[in-house]
Amino acid sequence: METTIVKKSLYINGKWIETERYTPLYSPFSEEQIAEIPEGTVEDVDRAIIAADGARTALRKMPAHQRASILEKIACLMEERSEEAAHIIALEASKPINTARGEVARTIQTYKFAAEEAKRIEGKTVPLDAAPGGENRLAFTVKEPIGVVAAITPFNFPMNLVAHKVGPAIAAGNPVILKPANQTPLSAFFLGELIEAAGLPAGGFNIITGKGSVIGEALVIDERVKAVTFTGSPEVGTGIRNKAGLKKVTLELGSNSGVIVDENVDLEKIIPRAVQGAFAFQGQVCISLQRIYVHEKIYETFVRNFVAETEKLVVGNPLDEDTDVSAMISGNDLNRSLEWIQEAVNAGTEVAYGGKAVGNALTPTVLLQVEANVKVSCQEVFAPIVIINRISSIDEGITLMNDSRYGLQAGIYTKDIDAGLDAADKLEVGGVLINDIPTFRVDHMPYGGVKESGTGREGLKYAIEEMTEMKLVIINRN
């Protein structure tokens, strides 16, 4: 593992700024210190907001092609340094290196999509003469930048989920203040270097690290911040919404995504896909496959083959090329996961595979016939744990899937298109995947959920909608 300890700085108004206090950053896998991270203050937040607010006019007046060019440059620079980027993710998040490379590749695409969407922000004409008194009037709408955007991001995709907030903000002409997750700030500082080299005006992008209770709180309540985009827990998201006042707020929150497996499907194709969806990046993915409901006619075969495929996964160092699963993001998360597994066992659950700690990693865990009210079923597990339950019909699977406080994405495998479309109609989620796992996402699609999974949608075009205001213009020709 990397042993050099780097000391980082805040990025405010185009300058790297030291702070009075620093906190150590440790590798989740090796527990070695890898960096010293600046601990920002309320005063630093104020300086960042002043800088961002000062850049607002320059970004607002910047032509779309220039904003697009900056975003394309960010993508190009990241592509040139892609292996360095993947190494940073693997080091600070313990994401297996091949999975980290996949995230970097997606991040590059996300900035490219943002560049394209920067050129497609458009309004519409409004036929006022559809109403009496509207004759001989020309009306049209325009989309204007909303203003300073606060982006509060999680650890699990420290480059791509940041891109889903920073990319559309820049595309729309908004300055951004980024508060990254405490465990993954190195990815944010790396992005700051790229944005600086890409030529975004000073103040257009700022990075503040530190305690969420200090930095996040100050950003959310400040009236100069016009929009907050947050990915994280429902509890924190609810607090943000309650404190944000009249700001626009986009929340991507929790999930316990599931898939229904009908009796008539090809398990040879499905099972490797389902194993990947359940255990990629230790299950620390918002749409990780957590619940599998399998028709009783194929249940035993499904479980046997699923466990056999899971046994192939390699648990180890995130920087090793062969590693599939590595350390949990923190020791607390590992301990919580083990406690939740034990709770399920006490309630009669069978552990078909895994359930043990290896260093700071949890072995991929397969649980069978889990009661709906235990935590590994009804809460967001965010760990390499999947439950497999037997169902007698698709309707039973839909009922079990909907018995959740969350509703992000859900999947169904079936050869019956009517059954698939019926499930799409009945499932209470933001996205339904027919003949795929709920873990599927490409970066330009609308992405978001219902219930406690959040409000608003990401995906570049849709995020830009959240970060712009519509203005109506009417010309009276009478």
Protein backbone atom coordinates (compact mmCIF):
# COMPACT_ATOMS: atom_id res chain seq x y z
CA MET A 1 0.00 0.00 0.00
CA GLU A 2 0.98 3.64 -0.50
CA THR A 3 2.81 4.97 2.58
CA THR A 4 3.56 8.58 1.57
CA ILE A 5 1.39 10.95 3.60
CA VAL A 6 0.18 13.90 1.55
CA LYS A 7 -1.02 17.17 3.03
CA LYS A 8 -3.93 18.77 1.19
CA SER A 9 -5.46 22.27 1.16
CA LEU A 10 -8.89 23.78 0.69
CA TYR A 11 -9.65 25.15 -2.77
CA ILE A 12 -11.35 28.55 -2.64
CA ASN A 13 -11.55 31.22 -5.33
CA GLY A 14 -8.96 29.50 -7.50
CA LYS A 15 -6.38 29.20 -4.69
CA TRP A 16 -5.18 26.33 -2.50
CA ILE A 17 -5.55 27.48 1.11
CA GLU A 18 -4.11 25.95 4.27
CA THR A 19 -6.12 25.73 7.46
CA GLU A 20 -5.26 25.80 11.15
CA ARG A 21 -6.43 22.25 11.78
CA TYR A 22 -5.89 19.01 9.86
CA THR A 23 -7.29 15.53 10.39
CA PRO A 24 -5.59 12.25 9.44
CA LEU A 25 -7.04 10.13 6.63
CA TYR A 26 -6.55 6.36 6.87
CA SER A 27 -6.83 3.59 4.32
CA PRO A 28 -9.87 1.43 5.20
CA PHE A 29 -7.93 -1.67 4.09
CA SER A 30 -4.46 -1.25 5.63
CA GLU A 31 -5.42 1.31 8.31
CA GLU A 32 -2.26 3.24 7.39
CA GLN A 33 -2.43 7.03 7.34
CA ILE A 34 -2.44 8.24 3.75
CA ALA A 35 -3.13 11.98 4.04
CA GLU A 36 -3.71 15.03 6.19
CA ILE A 37 -7.02 16.68 5.33
CA PRO A 38 -7.83 20.33 6.09
CA GLU A 39 -10.66 20.88 8.54
CA GLY A 40 -12.68 23.80 7.23
CA THR A 41 -14.58 26.25 9.40
CA VAL A 42 -17.73 28.33 9.07
CA GLU A 43 -15.45 31.22 8.08
CA ASP A 44 -14.01 29.10 5.25
CA VAL A 45 -17.53 28.34 4.06
CA ASP A 46 -18.30 32.06 4.05
CA ARG A 47 -15.18 32.74 1.97
CA ALA A 48 -16.19 30.02 -0.47
CA ILE A 49 -19.72 31.40 -0.81
CA ILE A 50 -18.37 34.92 -1.39
CA ALA A 51 -16.06 33.52 -4.08
CA ALA A 52 -18.81 31.50 -5.72
CA ASP A 53 -21.28 34.36 -5.61
CA GLY A 54 -18.64 36.60 -7.13
CA ALA A 55 -18.16 34.17 -10.02
CA ARG A 56 -21.90 33.96 -10.72
CA THR A 57 -22.04 36.74 -13.29
CA ALA A 58 -19.00 35.49 -15.22
CA LEU A 59 -20.45 31.98 -15.46
CA ARG A 60 -23.91 33.25 -16.31
CA LYS A 61 -22.53 35.33 -19.19
CA MET A 62 -20.20 32.58 -20.43
CA PRO A 63 -21.45 31.22 -23.77
CA ALA A 64 -22.64 27.63 -23.83
CA HIS A 65 -19.85 26.50 -26.15
CA GLN A 66 -17.25 27.78 -23.69
CA ARG A 67 -18.84 25.96 -20.74
CA ALA A 68 -18.96 22.84 -22.90
CA SER A 69 -15.32 23.25 -23.83
CA ILE A 70 -14.30 23.44 -20.15
CA LEU A 71 -16.25 20.28 -19.36
CA GLU A 72 -14.71 18.49 -22.35
CA LYS A 73 -11.27 19.56 -21.10
CA ILE A 74 -12.02 18.11 -17.65
CA ALA A 75 -12.95 14.81 -19.30
CA CYS A 76 -9.81 14.87 -21.44
CA LEU A 77 -7.52 15.60 -18.49
CA MET A 78 -9.13 12.83 -16.44
CA GLU A 79 -8.65 10.41 -19.30
CA GLU A 80 -4.94 11.30 -19.41
CA ARG A 81 -4.64 10.65 -15.68
CA SER A 82 -7.16 7.82 -15.42
CA GLU A 83 -4.86 5.29 -13.76
CA GLU A 84 -3.87 7.84 -11.12
CA ALA A 85 -7.55 8.57 -10.53
CA ALA A 86 -8.38 4.87 -10.10
CA HIS A 87 -5.47 4.45 -7.67
CA ILE A 88 -6.80 7.33 -5.55
CA ILE A 89 -10.25 5.74 -5.34
CA ALA A 90 -8.81 2.33 -4.46
CA LEU A 91 -6.58 3.84 -1.79
CA GLU A 92 -9.07 6.06 0.03
CA ALA A 93 -12.25 4.00 -0.45
CA SER A 94 -10.85 0.44 -0.71
CA LYS A 95 -12.70 0.03 -3.98
CA PRO A 96 -11.10 -2.89 -5.90
CA ILE A 97 -8.83 -1.40 -8.55
CA ASN A 98 -10.71 -2.82 -11.52
CA THR A 99 -13.99 -1.49 -10.12
CA ALA A 100 -12.28 1.86 -9.53
CA ARG A 101 -11.15 1.94 -13.17
CA GLY A 102 -14.75 1.38 -14.17
CA GLU A 103 -15.82 4.34 -12.06
CA VAL A 104 -13.20 6.58 -13.65
CA ALA A 105 -14.35 5.55 -17.13
CA ARG A 106 -17.93 6.40 -16.20
CA THR A 107 -16.84 9.72 -14.70
CA ILE A 108 -15.19 10.69 -17.98
CA GLN A 109 -18.43 9.88 -19.79
CA THR A 110 -20.42 11.92 -17.27
CA TYR A 111 -18.40 15.06 -17.95
CA LYS A 112 -18.73 14.43 -21.68
CA PHE A 113 -22.50 14.15 -21.30
CA ALA A 114 -22.46 17.38 -19.28
CA ALA A 115 -20.55 19.11 -22.08
CA GLU A 116 -23.16 17.98 -24.61
CA GLU A 117 -26.08 19.04 -22.43
CA ALA A 118 -24.53 22.49 -21.91
CA LYS A 119 -25.34 23.13 -25.59
CA ARG A 120 -28.94 21.93 -25.28
CA ILE A 121 -30.39 24.13 -22.54
CA GLU A 122 -33.42 25.58 -24.26
CA GLY A 123 -36.83 27.10 -23.68
CA LYS A 124 -40.15 26.83 -25.50
CA THR A 125 -42.67 29.06 -27.20
CA VAL A 126 -46.02 29.39 -25.44
CA PRO A 127 -49.23 29.79 -27.54
CA LEU A 128 -50.87 32.59 -25.55
CA ASP A 129 -53.68 32.88 -28.10
CA ALA A 130 -55.02 29.59 -26.79
CA ALA A 131 -56.75 31.79 -24.20
CA PRO A 132 -59.02 34.78 -24.92
CA GLY A 133 -57.01 37.97 -24.53
CA GLY A 134 -53.78 36.32 -25.58
CA GLU A 135 -54.07 37.26 -29.24
CA ASN A 136 -51.08 38.79 -31.04
CA ARG A 137 -48.68 38.14 -28.21
CA LEU A 138 -45.42 36.22 -28.60
CA ALA A 139 -44.29 34.28 -25.52
CA PHE A 140 -41.28 32.12 -24.89
CA THR A 141 -39.37 30.69 -21.96
CA VAL A 142 -35.65 30.72 -21.23
CA LYS A 143 -33.65 28.71 -18.70
CA GLU A 144 -31.34 30.70 -16.44
CA PRO A 145 -28.66 29.51 -13.98
CA ILE A 146 -30.07 29.22 -10.48
CA GLY A 147 -26.95 30.55 -8.70
CA VAL A 148 -24.58 29.06 -6.14
CA VAL A 149 -24.94 25.27 -5.88
CA ALA A 150 -23.82 23.33 -2.79
CA ALA A 151 -22.89 19.73 -3.62
CA ILE A 152 -22.65 17.32 -0.68
CA THR A 153 -21.40 13.94 -1.84
CA PRO A 154 -20.91 10.38 -0.49
CA PHE A 155 -17.90 8.06 -0.28
CA ASN A 156 -19.07 5.24 -2.52
CA PHE A 157 -18.56 6.89 -5.92
CA PRO A 158 -16.19 9.72 -4.98
CA MET A 159 -15.56 10.76 -8.58
CA ASN A 160 -18.67 9.83 -10.53
CA LEU A 161 -21.32 10.97 -8.05
CA VAL A 162 -19.38 14.23 -7.70
CA ALA A 163 -19.45 14.53 -11.49
CA HIS A 164 -23.23 14.12 -11.42
CA LYS A 165 -23.43 17.29 -9.36
CA VAL A 166 -20.49 19.38 -10.57
CA GLY A 167 -20.99 18.57 -14.27
CA PRO A 168 -24.58 19.79 -14.63
CA ALA A 169 -23.93 22.79 -12.38
CA ILE A 170 -21.11 24.01 -14.64
CA ALA A 171 -23.12 23.13 -17.76
CA ALA A 172 -25.95 25.34 -16.54
CA GLY A 173 -23.61 28.22 -15.64
CA ASN A 174 -23.67 27.84 -11.86
CA PRO A 175 -20.73 28.16 -9.45
CA VAL A 176 -20.28 25.14 -7.15
CA ILE A 177 -19.11 24.52 -3.61
CA LEU A 178 -18.23 20.87 -3.07
CA LYS A 179 -18.29 19.24 0.35
CA PRO A 180 -16.98 15.69 -0.26
CA ALA A 181 -17.37 12.72 2.08
CA ASN A 182 -14.84 12.70 4.91
CA GLN A 183 -13.38 9.33 3.86
CA THR A 184 -12.90 10.25 0.18
CA PRO A 185 -11.64 13.85 -0.09
CA LEU A 186 -8.58 12.97 -2.21
CA SER A 187 -10.82 12.38 -5.23
CA ALA A 188 -12.27 15.86 -4.78
CA PHE A 189 -8.86 17.51 -4.56
CA PHE A 190 -7.81 15.60 -7.69
CA LEU A 191 -10.86 17.02 -9.48
CA GLY A 192 -9.93 20.51 -8.26
CA GLU A 193 -6.58 20.20 -10.04
CA LEU A 194 -8.33 19.20 -13.27
CA ILE A 195 -10.89 22.00 -13.10
CA GLU A 196 -8.16 24.54 -12.41
CA ALA A 197 -6.23 23.31 -15.47
CA ALA A 198 -9.40 23.31 -17.57
CA GLY A 199 -9.78 27.07 -17.14
CA LEU A 200 -12.96 27.52 -15.11
CA PRO A 201 -13.00 31.08 -13.72
CA ALA A 202 -11.82 31.49 -10.12
CA GLY A 203 -14.67 30.95 -7.70
CA GLY A 204 -16.56 28.77 -10.15
CA PHE A 205 -15.52 25.65 -8.22
CA ASN A 206 -14.58 25.44 -4.55
CA ILE A 207 -13.77 22.54 -2.19
CA ILE A 208 -14.41 22.63 1.56
CA THR A 209 -13.59 19.59 3.69
CA GLY A 210 -14.43 19.12 7.35
CA LYS A 211 -17.24 18.06 9.64
CA GLY A 212 -20.60 17.71 7.96
CA SER A 213 -22.29 19.22 11.01
CA VAL A 214 -20.22 22.37 10.44
CA ILE A 215 -19.64 22.65 6.68
CA GLY A 216 -22.88 21.08 5.48
CA GLU A 217 -24.97 23.00 7.97
CA ALA A 218 -23.43 26.34 6.99
CA LEU A 219 -23.98 25.67 3.27
CA VAL A 220 -27.58 24.53 3.68
CA ILE A 221 -28.79 27.48 5.76
CA ASP A 222 -26.97 30.28 3.88
CA GLU A 223 -29.37 32.35 1.76
CA ARG A 224 -26.70 32.99 -0.88
CA VAL A 225 -26.74 29.28 -1.73
CA LYS A 226 -29.65 28.73 -4.11
CA ALA A 227 -29.60 24.95 -4.57
CA VAL A 228 -28.42 21.94 -2.57
CA THR A 229 -27.76 18.57 -4.17
CA PHE A 230 -27.10 15.75 -1.71
CA THR A 231 -26.48 12.01 -1.86
CA GLY A 232 -26.47 10.15 1.44
CA SER A 233 -28.68 8.82 4.21
CA PRO A 234 -32.42 9.56 4.51
CA GLU A 235 -31.87 10.95 8.01
CA VAL A 236 -29.34 13.55 6.85
CA GLY A 237 -31.36 14.26 3.70
CA THR A 238 -34.48 14.96 5.74
CA GLY A 239 -32.51 17.33 7.94
CA ILE A 240 -31.22 19.19 4.88
CA ARG A 241 -34.71 19.54 3.45
CA ASN A 242 -36.04 20.86 6.75
CA LYS A 243 -33.31 23.49 7.03
CA ALA A 244 -32.98 24.56 3.39
CA GLY A 245 -35.94 26.94 3.31
CA LEU A 246 -36.98 27.83 -0.25
CA LYS A 247 -33.81 26.51 -1.89
CA LYS A 248 -34.09 23.87 -4.55
CA VAL A 249 -33.08 20.57 -2.98
CA THR A 250 -32.23 17.35 -4.81
CA LEU A 251 -31.90 14.30 -2.59
CA GLU A 252 -30.58 10.88 -3.59
CA LEU A 253 -31.06 8.79 -0.47
CA GLY A 254 -31.32 5.18 0.65
CA SER A 255 -32.50 1.95 -0.94
CA ASN A 256 -32.84 -1.78 -0.41
CA SER A 257 -33.27 -2.65 -4.06
CA GLY A 258 -34.62 -6.02 -5.08
CA VAL A 259 -35.25 -8.27 -8.05
CA ILE A 260 -38.01 -10.79 -8.79
CA VAL A 261 -37.00 -13.97 -10.63
CA ASP A 262 -39.82 -15.72 -12.49
CA GLU A 263 -39.90 -19.49 -13.05
CA ASN A 264 -39.27 -19.39 -16.82
CA VAL A 265 -35.90 -17.63 -17.03
CA ASP A 266 -32.34 -18.59 -18.01
CA LEU A 267 -30.41 -18.81 -14.73
CA GLU A 268 -27.09 -19.22 -16.52
CA LYS A 269 -27.30 -15.59 -17.65
CA ILE A 270 -28.97 -14.19 -14.57
CA ILE A 271 -26.86 -15.52 -11.71
CA PRO A 272 -23.43 -14.00 -12.61
CA ARG A 273 -25.21 -10.70 -13.17
CA ALA A 274 -27.01 -10.93 -9.83
CA VAL A 275 -23.79 -11.82 -7.96
CA GLN A 276 -22.12 -8.78 -9.48
CA GLY A 277 -25.06 -6.57 -8.49
CA ALA A 278 -25.02 -7.83 -4.92
CA PHE A 279 -21.30 -7.67 -4.15
CA ALA A 280 -19.67 -5.03 -6.38
CA PHE A 281 -17.74 -2.58 -4.17
CA GLN A 282 -18.70 -4.57 -1.08
CA GLY A 283 -22.39 -3.83 -1.70
CA GLN A 284 -21.78 -0.16 -0.86
CA VAL A 285 -23.84 1.04 -3.83
CA CYS A 286 -27.18 2.87 -3.60
CA ILE A 287 -28.78 0.41 -6.02
CA SER A 288 -26.88 -2.66 -4.83
CA LEU A 289 -28.96 -5.83 -5.14
CA GLN A 290 -30.05 -6.51 -1.56
CA ARG A 291 -33.23 -8.60 -1.93
CA ILE A 292 -33.89 -11.46 -4.36
CA TYR A 293 -37.33 -13.07 -4.61
CA VAL A 294 -37.22 -16.34 -6.57
CA HIS A 295 -40.13 -18.44 -7.79
CA GLU A 296 -40.45 -21.61 -5.72
CA LYS A 297 -40.14 -23.88 -8.76
CA ILE A 298 -36.52 -22.80 -9.37
CA TYR A 299 -35.58 -21.61 -5.87
CA GLU A 300 -33.30 -24.48 -4.87
CA THR A 301 -31.43 -24.43 -8.18
CA PHE A 302 -31.05 -20.65 -8.01
CA VAL A 303 -29.62 -20.74 -4.49
CA ARG A 304 -27.19 -23.56 -5.28
CA ASN A 305 -25.85 -21.83 -8.40
CA PHE A 306 -25.78 -18.39 -6.76
CA VAL A 307 -23.66 -19.68 -3.86
CA ALA A 308 -21.33 -21.49 -6.28
CA GLU A 309 -20.80 -18.24 -8.21
CA THR A 310 -20.28 -16.25 -4.99
CA GLU A 311 -17.56 -18.70 -3.89
CA LYS A 312 -15.45 -17.57 -6.85
CA LEU A 313 -15.09 -14.01 -5.51
CA VAL A 314 -11.67 -13.01 -4.16
CA VAL A 315 -11.48 -10.99 -0.95
CA GLY A 316 -8.28 -8.97 -0.59
CA ASN A 317 -6.20 -5.84 -1.13
CA PRO A 318 -8.05 -3.28 -3.31
CA LEU A 319 -4.85 -2.62 -5.26
CA ASP A 320 -4.51 -6.28 -6.30
CA GLU A 321 -5.78 -6.96 -9.82
CA ASP A 322 -7.60 -10.15 -8.77
CA THR A 323 -9.54 -8.64 -5.86
CA ASP A 324 -13.34 -8.58 -6.14
CA VAL A 325 -14.25 -7.58 -2.57
CA SER A 326 -12.17 -5.57 -0.11
CA ALA A 327 -12.51 -3.69 3.18
CA MET A 328 -15.68 -1.98 4.29
CA ILE A 329 -15.43 1.80 4.39
CA SER A 330 -15.05 1.74 8.20
CA GLY A 331 -14.76 -0.62 11.12
CA ASN A 332 -18.10 0.65 12.42
CA ASP A 333 -19.79 -0.41 9.20
CA LEU A 334 -18.19 -3.84 9.39
CA ASN A 335 -19.37 -4.31 12.98
CA ARG A 336 -22.87 -3.07 12.15
CA SER A 337 -23.09 -5.56 9.26
CA LEU A 338 -22.05 -8.45 11.50
CA GLU A 339 -24.65 -7.41 14.09
CA TRP A 340 -27.37 -7.30 11.42
CA ILE A 341 -26.40 -10.77 10.19
CA GLN A 342 -26.59 -12.11 13.75
CA GLU A 343 -30.01 -10.50 14.23
CA ALA A 344 -31.24 -12.29 11.11
CA VAL A 345 -29.78 -15.61 12.29
CA ASN A 346 -31.49 -15.20 15.65
CA ALA A 347 -34.77 -14.75 13.76
CA GLY A 348 -34.32 -18.06 11.91
CA THR A 349 -32.32 -17.03 8.84
CA GLU A 350 -29.97 -19.55 7.23
CA VAL A 351 -26.48 -18.35 6.28
CA ALA A 352 -25.81 -20.10 2.96
CA TYR A 353 -22.40 -18.48 2.53
CA GLY A 354 -20.09 -15.95 4.18
CA GLY A 355 -20.99 -13.83 7.16
CA LYS A 356 -17.47 -13.57 8.56
CA ALA A 357 -14.91 -10.78 8.91
CA VAL A 358 -11.54 -11.08 7.18
CA GLY A 359 -9.51 -8.16 8.47
CA ASN A 360 -11.69 -5.12 7.74
CA ALA A 361 -13.58 -6.95 5.00
CA LEU A 362 -16.84 -8.87 5.23
CA THR A 363 -16.99 -12.04 3.17
CA PRO A 364 -19.79 -11.95 0.58
CA THR A 365 -22.83 -13.12 2.51
CA VAL A 366 -25.90 -15.01 1.23
CA LEU A 367 -28.88 -15.26 3.59
CA LEU A 368 -31.93 -17.46 2.96
CA GLN A 369 -35.59 -17.09 3.95
CA VAL A 370 -35.20 -13.82 5.81
CA GLU A 371 -38.10 -12.30 7.73
CA ALA A 372 -39.24 -8.96 6.30
CA ASN A 373 -38.86 -7.08 9.59
CA VAL A 374 -35.15 -7.76 10.25
CA LYS A 375 -32.66 -5.06 9.34
CA VAL A 376 -30.91 -6.89 6.47
CA SER A 377 -34.27 -6.92 4.69
CA CYS A 378 -36.10 -3.73 5.64
CA GLN A 379 -33.18 -1.29 6.00
CA GLU A 380 -30.36 -0.33 3.65
CA VAL A 381 -27.59 -2.82 4.40
CA PHE A 382 -24.80 -1.10 2.37
CA ALA A 383 -22.61 -4.19 2.73
CA PRO A 384 -21.86 -7.38 0.76
CA ILE A 385 -25.05 -9.04 2.01
CA VAL A 386 -27.92 -10.36 -0.09
CA ILE A 387 -31.09 -12.17 0.94
CA ILE A 388 -32.80 -14.80 -1.22
CA ASN A 389 -36.43 -15.63 -0.42
CA ARG A 390 -38.88 -18.06 -1.99
CA ILE A 391 -42.10 -16.75 -3.60
CA SER A 392 -45.08 -18.55 -5.14
CA SER A 393 -45.91 -15.86 -7.72
CA ILE A 394 -44.79 -12.59 -9.23
CA ASP A 395 -47.61 -10.80 -7.41
CA GLU A 396 -46.22 -12.04 -4.10
CA GLY A 397 -42.80 -10.71 -5.13
CA ILE A 398 -44.26 -7.32 -5.99
CA THR A 399 -46.01 -7.13 -2.61
CA LEU A 400 -42.78 -7.98 -0.78
CA MET A 401 -40.79 -5.51 -2.88
CA ASN A 402 -43.22 -2.69 -2.16
CA ASP A 403 -43.18 -3.44 1.57
CA SER A 404 -40.31 -1.00 2.03
CA ARG A 405 -39.70 2.55 3.14
CA TYR A 406 -37.51 2.93 0.03
CA GLY A 407 -38.22 3.03 -3.69
CA LEU A 408 -35.17 3.67 -5.85
CA GLN A 409 -34.94 0.91 -8.49
CA ALA A 410 -36.25 -2.64 -8.84
CA GLY A 411 -35.81 -5.45 -11.34
CA ILE A 412 -37.78 -8.39 -12.64
CA TYR A 413 -36.61 -11.33 -14.76
CA THR A 414 -39.38 -12.95 -16.79
CA LYS A 415 -40.11 -14.20 -20.31
CA ASP A 416 -43.70 -12.96 -20.00
CA ILE A 417 -43.77 -9.38 -21.28
CA ASP A 418 -47.23 -8.81 -19.81
CA ALA A 419 -45.93 -9.87 -16.40
CA GLY A 420 -42.96 -7.53 -16.80
CA LEU A 421 -45.11 -4.56 -17.76
CA ASP A 422 -47.58 -5.36 -14.98
CA ALA A 423 -44.68 -5.30 -12.50
CA ALA A 424 -43.47 -1.99 -13.96
CA ASP A 425 -46.94 -0.58 -13.29
CA LYS A 426 -47.21 -1.89 -9.72
CA LEU A 427 -43.68 -1.48 -8.34
CA GLU A 428 -43.35 1.65 -6.20
CA VAL A 429 -39.91 2.79 -7.34
CA GLY A 430 -38.25 5.44 -9.46
CA GLY A 431 -36.97 2.95 -12.05
CA VAL A 432 -37.99 -0.56 -13.13
CA LEU A 433 -35.56 -2.86 -14.96
CA ILE A 434 -37.22 -5.67 -16.92
CA ASN A 435 -34.82 -8.58 -17.40
CA ASP A 436 -32.01 -6.90 -15.49
CA ILE A 437 -30.89 -6.23 -11.94
CA PRO A 438 -31.75 -2.91 -10.25
CA THR A 439 -28.03 -2.09 -10.07
CA PHE A 440 -27.98 -1.01 -13.73
CA ARG A 441 -27.26 2.65 -14.40
CA VAL A 442 -25.87 4.63 -17.29
CA ASP A 443 -25.06 8.21 -16.59
CA HIS A 444 -27.42 10.11 -18.88
CA MET A 445 -30.60 8.34 -17.80
CA PRO A 446 -33.01 9.88 -15.26
CA TYR A 447 -32.07 8.47 -11.88
CA GLY A 448 -33.86 8.92 -8.58
CA GLY A 449 -36.48 7.42 -6.33
CA VAL A 450 -39.71 7.74 -4.39
CA LYS A 451 -40.63 7.32 -0.73
CA GLU A 452 -37.48 7.71 1.43
CA SER A 453 -35.19 7.21 -1.57
CA GLY A 454 -35.31 10.92 -2.27
CA THR A 455 -36.66 13.72 -4.42
CA GLY A 456 -35.62 15.02 -7.82
CA ARG A 457 -33.66 13.26 -10.53
CA GLU A 458 -30.03 13.01 -11.56
CA GLY A 459 -28.71 12.25 -15.03
CA LEU A 460 -27.22 15.28 -16.74
CA LYS A 461 -30.26 16.65 -18.57
CA TYR A 462 -32.49 16.08 -15.57
CA ALA A 463 -30.04 17.52 -13.05
CA ILE A 464 -29.75 20.67 -15.17
CA GLU A 465 -33.53 21.06 -14.85
CA GLU A 466 -33.03 21.10 -11.08
CA MET A 467 -30.24 23.70 -11.38
CA THR A 468 -31.98 26.24 -13.60
CA GLU A 469 -34.93 28.60 -13.26
CA MET A 470 -37.51 29.15 -15.97
CA LYS A 471 -38.24 32.73 -17.04
CA LEU A 472 -41.18 33.70 -19.21
CA VAL A 473 -40.85 36.53 -21.75
CA ILE A 474 -43.95 38.03 -23.45
CA ILE A 475 -43.93 40.50 -26.35
CA ASN A 476 -47.17 42.40 -26.88
CA ARG A 477 -47.60 43.01 -30.61
CA ASN A 478 -51.02 44.70 -30.35
